[in-house]
Protein backbone atom coordinates (compact mmCIF):
# COMPACT_ATOMS: atom_id res chain seq x y z
CA MET A 1 168.79 -14.45 115.18
CA THR A 2 165.37 -13.38 114.50
CA LEU A 3 161.85 -14.30 116.03
CA ALA A 4 160.75 -15.52 112.75
CA ALA A 5 163.91 -17.36 111.87
CA MET A 6 163.08 -19.50 114.80
CA GLU A 7 161.83 -23.57 114.56
CA ALA A 8 158.75 -24.92 115.89
CA GLY A 9 159.35 -26.20 119.20
CA GLN A 10 162.50 -23.72 120.03
CA GLU A 11 162.05 -21.47 123.27
CA ALA A 12 164.53 -18.16 123.13
CA ARG A 13 164.42 -14.62 125.06
CA VAL A 14 163.88 -11.55 123.73
CA VAL A 15 166.90 -9.02 123.30
CA GLY A 16 165.18 -6.62 120.65
CA VAL A 17 161.89 -4.95 120.20
CA PRO A 18 162.21 -2.35 117.41
CA THR A 19 161.14 1.20 118.70
CA ASN A 20 160.36 3.51 115.55
CA THR A 21 158.18 1.32 113.57
CA GLU A 22 154.41 2.03 113.88
CA SER A 23 154.04 -1.59 115.61
CA SER A 24 156.38 -1.08 117.96
CA GLN A 25 153.94 0.13 121.01
CA ARG A 26 151.52 -2.43 119.83
CA LEU A 27 154.13 -5.71 120.36
CA ARG A 28 154.75 -3.77 123.97
CA ASP A 29 151.59 -3.98 124.72
CA LEU A 30 150.95 -7.78 123.77
CA GLY A 31 153.99 -8.48 126.40
CA ILE A 32 156.87 -8.53 123.43
CA ILE A 33 159.37 -7.08 125.68
CA SER A 34 162.87 -7.43 126.39
CA GLY A 35 163.70 -10.34 128.70
CA GLU A 36 160.63 -12.07 128.11
CA GLN A 37 160.84 -15.51 127.21
CA VAL A 38 158.90 -17.00 123.87
CA LYS A 39 158.07 -20.47 122.63
CA LEU A 40 157.35 -20.68 118.63
CA LEU A 41 154.75 -23.23 118.36
CA LYS A 42 154.15 -22.96 114.58
CA LYS A 43 154.19 -21.65 111.48
CA ALA A 44 151.22 -21.21 108.74
CA PRO A 45 152.27 -23.64 105.51
CA LEU A 46 153.82 -20.81 103.85
CA GLY A 47 155.33 -19.12 107.18
CA ASP A 48 152.99 -16.27 107.82
CA PRO A 49 151.58 -16.07 110.32
CA ILE A 50 153.02 -17.50 113.11
CA GLU A 51 152.16 -18.66 116.78
CA ILE A 52 154.18 -17.97 119.89
CA ARG A 53 153.58 -18.36 123.64
CA ILE A 54 154.86 -15.51 125.59
CA MET A 55 153.46 -14.45 128.98
CA ASN A 56 151.42 -17.80 129.35
CA TYR A 57 149.38 -16.75 126.38
CA ASP A 58 149.26 -18.02 122.52
CA LEU A 59 150.02 -15.23 119.84
CA CYS A 60 149.88 -15.11 116.54
CA LEU A 61 152.10 -12.33 114.20
CA ARG A 62 152.83 -11.60 110.95
CA ARG A 63 156.39 -12.71 109.65
CA SER A 64 157.14 -8.83 109.14
CA GLU A 65 156.71 -8.28 112.67
CA ALA A 66 158.72 -11.09 113.55
CA GLU A 67 161.42 -10.65 111.42
CA SER A 68 161.90 -7.02 113.45
CA ILE A 69 162.10 -8.86 116.94
CA LEU A 70 165.76 -10.24 117.96
CA VAL A 71 166.16 -13.32 120.26
CA GLU A 72 168.69 -15.22 121.83
CA LEU A 73 168.06 -19.06 121.98
CA VAL A 74 167.80 -20.42 125.80
């Protein structure tokens, strides 16, 4: 499942992060790495952007970025 497919309030563990995109290094710098736990806080009315909590801080991501991040629910 992707991060974008999660519903508000769900928690998951990151299992896959893209490595061949322009934003992949930025995502890793923000703490989105395999094994980290993430919670989807909310989505904007049209689904873009989304707000997540990772490593004890809140982060907004574009839907296109969230669709490339693979997670498993915990």
